Protein backbone atom coordinates (compact mmCIF):
# COMPACT_ATOMS: atom_id res chain seq x y z
CA MET A 1 -0.16 0.07 -0.26
CA ALA A 2 0.82 3.42 -0.74
CA ILE A 3 1.82 5.70 2.32
CA ARG A 4 -0.27 8.47 2.88
CA VAL A 5 1.33 11.52 3.29
CA LEU A 6 -0.14 15.38 3.66
CA LEU A 7 2.01 18.26 2.68
CA GLY A 8 1.34 21.42 3.94
CA TYR A 9 3.77 23.83 2.51
CA ARG A 10 3.21 28.35 2.22
CA GLY A 11 2.92 29.28 -1.14
CA ALA A 12 0.68 27.33 -3.70
CA LEU A 13 3.29 27.46 -6.03
CA VAL A 14 6.01 25.56 -4.17
CA ARG A 15 3.46 23.37 -2.43
CA GLU A 16 1.45 22.01 -5.48
CA ALA A 17 4.99 20.95 -7.45
CA LEU A 18 6.49 19.41 -4.37
CA SER A 19 2.86 17.70 -4.46
CA SER A 20 2.97 16.68 -7.71
CA VAL A 21 6.57 15.69 -7.86
CA LEU A 22 6.09 13.33 -4.71
CA ALA A 23 3.09 12.45 -6.39
CA ARG A 24 5.51 10.37 -9.37
CA GLU A 25 6.69 8.05 -7.05
CA PRO A 26 4.88 4.64 -6.35
CA ASP A 27 4.77 4.02 -2.99
CA LEU A 28 3.79 7.80 -1.74
CA GLU A 29 0.24 9.31 -1.79
CA VAL A 30 -0.39 12.49 -1.70
CA VAL A 31 -3.82 12.70 0.25
CA ASP A 32 -3.92 16.30 1.25
CA GLU A 33 -2.01 19.85 0.65
CA LEU A 34 -2.25 22.34 3.43
CA ALA A 35 -1.58 25.80 3.62
CA ARG A 36 -1.81 26.47 7.41
CA VAL A 37 -0.47 23.48 10.09
CA ASP A 38 -3.69 24.60 12.09
CA ASP A 39 -4.89 22.13 9.32
CA VAL A 40 -2.88 18.87 10.00
CA LEU A 41 -5.56 17.54 12.98
CA PRO A 42 -8.40 17.74 11.10
CA ALA A 43 -6.74 16.91 7.43
CA ALA A 44 -4.57 14.17 8.99
CA LEU A 45 -7.63 12.27 11.08
CA ARG A 46 -10.00 12.21 7.94
CA ARG A 47 -7.67 10.96 6.05
CA GLN A 48 -6.03 8.46 7.86
CA ALA A 49 -2.23 10.10 6.98
CA GLN A 50 1.10 8.42 7.76
CA VAL A 51 3.14 11.11 7.38
CA ALA A 52 2.71 15.31 7.17
CA VAL A 53 5.59 16.90 5.16
CA LEU A 54 5.15 20.15 7.20
CA ASP A 55 7.11 23.53 6.00
CA ALA A 56 8.36 24.58 9.39
CA LEU A 57 7.00 27.87 8.47
CA LEU A 58 3.87 27.46 7.64
CA PRO A 59 1.32 29.55 9.36
CA GLY A 60 -1.18 28.72 12.44
CA THR A 61 -1.32 28.25 15.66
CA VAL A 62 -1.01 24.39 17.02
CA ASP A 63 2.17 23.22 17.93
CA VAL A 64 4.58 20.44 16.69
CA ARG A 65 4.32 18.58 20.34
CA VAL A 66 0.43 19.01 20.24
CA LEU A 67 0.34 17.16 17.17
CA CYS A 68 1.99 14.21 18.45
CA GLN A 69 0.29 14.23 21.46
CA LYS A 70 -2.70 14.08 19.64
CA LEU A 71 -2.59 12.05 16.22
CA PRO A 72 0.36 9.64 17.83
CA ARG A 73 0.35 7.61 14.23
CA LEU A 74 1.49 9.97 12.39
CA GLY A 75 4.91 10.44 11.21
CA ILE A 76 6.00 14.71 11.21
CA LEU A 77 8.98 15.64 8.65
CA MET A 78 9.28 19.21 9.37
CA LEU A 79 11.30 20.98 6.69
CA LEU A 80 13.92 23.82 7.63
CA ASP A 81 16.07 26.56 5.84
CA ARG A 82 19.65 25.82 7.17
CA TYR A 83 19.95 29.01 8.34
CA SER A 84 17.16 28.83 10.72
CA SER A 85 17.72 28.87 14.01
CA GLY A 86 19.88 25.75 16.16
CA ILE A 87 16.82 26.73 19.04
CA ASP A 88 14.30 25.52 16.34
CA SER A 89 16.04 22.35 15.37
CA LEU A 90 16.74 21.23 18.89
CA SER A 91 13.57 22.14 19.99
CA LEU A 92 12.29 19.39 17.17
CA ALA A 93 15.22 17.09 17.79
CA ARG A 94 14.22 16.07 21.34
CA LEU A 95 10.85 14.93 19.88
CA ALA A 96 13.05 12.34 17.40
CA PRO A 97 11.89 9.47 15.88
CA ARG A 98 8.35 10.89 15.44
CA VAL A 99 9.52 14.12 14.10
CA GLY A 100 11.92 13.91 11.99
CA LEU A 101 14.04 17.20 10.02
CA ILE A 102 15.86 17.47 6.50
CA ALA A 103 16.70 20.70 4.66
CA THR A 104 14.46 22.28 2.67
CA ASP A 105 16.92 22.53 -0.22
CA ALA A 106 17.37 18.23 0.23
CA SER A 107 17.58 16.71 -3.32
CA LEU A 108 13.79 15.01 -3.56
CA ALA A 109 15.66 11.86 -3.16
CA ASN A 110 16.56 12.66 0.10
CA LEU A 111 12.80 13.36 1.12
CA VAL A 112 11.08 10.69 -0.47
CA ASP A 113 14.18 8.59 1.90
CA ALA A 114 13.43 10.62 4.81
CA ILE A 115 9.61 9.85 3.94
CA ARG A 116 10.16 6.44 4.20
CA HIS A 117 12.42 6.22 6.55
CA LEU A 118 10.09 8.06 9.31
CA VAL A 119 6.83 5.63 8.32
CA ARG A 120 9.25 2.74 10.09
CA GLY A 121 9.84 4.77 12.67
CA GLU A 122 13.14 5.56 12.03
CA ALA A 123 15.18 8.47 13.13
CA VAL A 124 15.80 11.31 10.13
CA MET A 125 17.71 13.87 10.83
CA ASP A 126 19.85 16.42 8.38
CA ALA A 127 23.60 16.31 9.79
CA GLU A 128 23.84 20.25 9.38
CA LEU A 129 20.88 20.98 11.57
CA ALA A 130 21.58 18.45 13.71
CA VAL A 131 24.95 20.34 14.87
CA ALA A 132 22.55 23.72 14.87
CA ALA A 133 20.91 21.91 17.54
CA LEU A 134 23.69 20.73 19.82
CA THR A 135 25.63 24.12 19.24
CA ALA A 136 22.50 26.09 19.87
CA ASP A 137 21.89 28.41 23.33
CA ALA A 138 19.33 28.42 25.05
CA SER A 139 16.56 31.41 23.88
CA PRO A 140 14.63 33.78 25.43
CA LEU A 141 12.68 34.20 23.35
CA THR A 142 9.10 32.41 22.74
CA ASN A 143 8.57 30.80 19.07
CA ARG A 144 5.83 33.32 18.62
CA GLU A 145 8.58 36.19 19.05
CA ARG A 146 11.16 34.80 16.83
CA ASP A 147 8.06 34.51 14.37
CA VAL A 148 7.53 37.76 14.77
CA LEU A 149 11.15 38.53 14.41
CA ARG A 150 12.59 37.14 11.28
CA LEU A 151 9.35 38.63 10.12
CA ALA A 152 10.27 41.98 10.90
CA MET A 153 13.87 40.85 9.69
CA THR A 154 12.41 41.36 5.73
CA GLY A 155 11.00 45.36 6.98
CA ALA A 156 7.62 44.17 7.09
CA PRO A 157 5.62 47.20 9.27
CA PRO A 158 3.78 45.79 12.15
CA GLN A 159 0.45 45.61 10.37
CA GLU A 160 1.74 43.26 7.59
CA ILE A 161 3.57 41.11 10.20
CA ALA A 162 -0.12 41.30 12.19
CA ALA A 163 -1.61 40.15 8.73
CA THR A 164 0.51 37.67 7.96
CA LEU A 165 0.65 35.48 11.11
CA PHE A 166 -2.94 36.17 12.05
CA LEU A 167 -2.61 38.53 14.57
CA SER A 168 -4.13 41.89 15.40
CA PRO A 169 -1.31 44.82 15.04
CA GLY A 170 -1.33 46.42 18.71
CA THR A 171 0.05 42.18 19.32
CA VAL A 172 2.32 42.72 17.46
CA ARG A 173 4.15 46.08 18.77
CA ASN A 174 3.96 43.92 21.91
CA TYR A 175 6.10 41.30 20.86
CA LEU A 176 8.44 43.68 19.80
CA SER A 177 8.64 45.56 23.12
CA HIS A 178 9.31 42.18 24.61
CA ILE A 179 11.84 41.26 22.22
CA LEU A 180 13.60 44.26 23.12
CA VAL A 181 13.59 43.86 26.32
CA LYS A 182 14.88 40.44 26.06
CA THR A 183 17.66 41.05 23.85
CA GLY A 184 18.74 44.52 25.23
CA ALA A 185 18.65 46.25 21.81
CA ARG A 186 17.21 49.48 21.73
CA THR A 187 16.33 49.05 18.00
CA ARG A 188 14.26 46.82 15.73
CA ILE A 189 17.78 46.61 13.80
CA GLU A 190 19.55 46.23 16.49
CA ALA A 191 17.46 43.06 18.07
CA ILE A 192 17.83 41.31 14.70
CA ARG A 193 21.31 41.21 14.42
CA ILE A 194 21.57 40.42 18.39
CA ALA A 195 19.86 37.40 17.93
CA GLN A 196 20.82 36.55 15.01
CA ASP A 197 24.48 36.71 16.25
CA ALA A 198 23.44 34.51 19.16
CA GLY A 199 21.85 32.14 17.04
CA TRP A 200 18.12 32.06 18.22
CA ILE A 201 16.12 32.97 14.48
């Protein structure tokens, strides 16, 4: 039987292209394509998925730990950018072998192999992401604060950040204020630099 795969990736163009490529594998079946992590739980139950391939920056509020608790039979393969925070890698690596880590620039062959390993209950961990996880310093920033700061890196104003993360502009401004306090920075640009140097984003 084909492995039933959920695919969650930001951006319809890349998501649809990746889904089409995975569907060509004789032992894989993409049973649903998702634009938000909040949709993983109902889709996994409805489609009886075995593996969810998820972009680590997929919008939404559901935490991967919650998915692991509520979907004990679902393997989760997280796609992380190689420049992601080591803190992100560390928190996800602790969930192995239920959660596997692979870089977004991995080859298609590596991605397919990772899905097959994960469904067999085998640990999947990209070597560079593993090193980043092992060398990461504890971050004072929450996951949501890191999300806000990553978007601030693009120069996006609070209103745009709020729309992307489905928050109010006031909430985003509060997060930015907390970030300045936690990093000891005077400006957003300085906070970004401090967080990058520390490997927090």
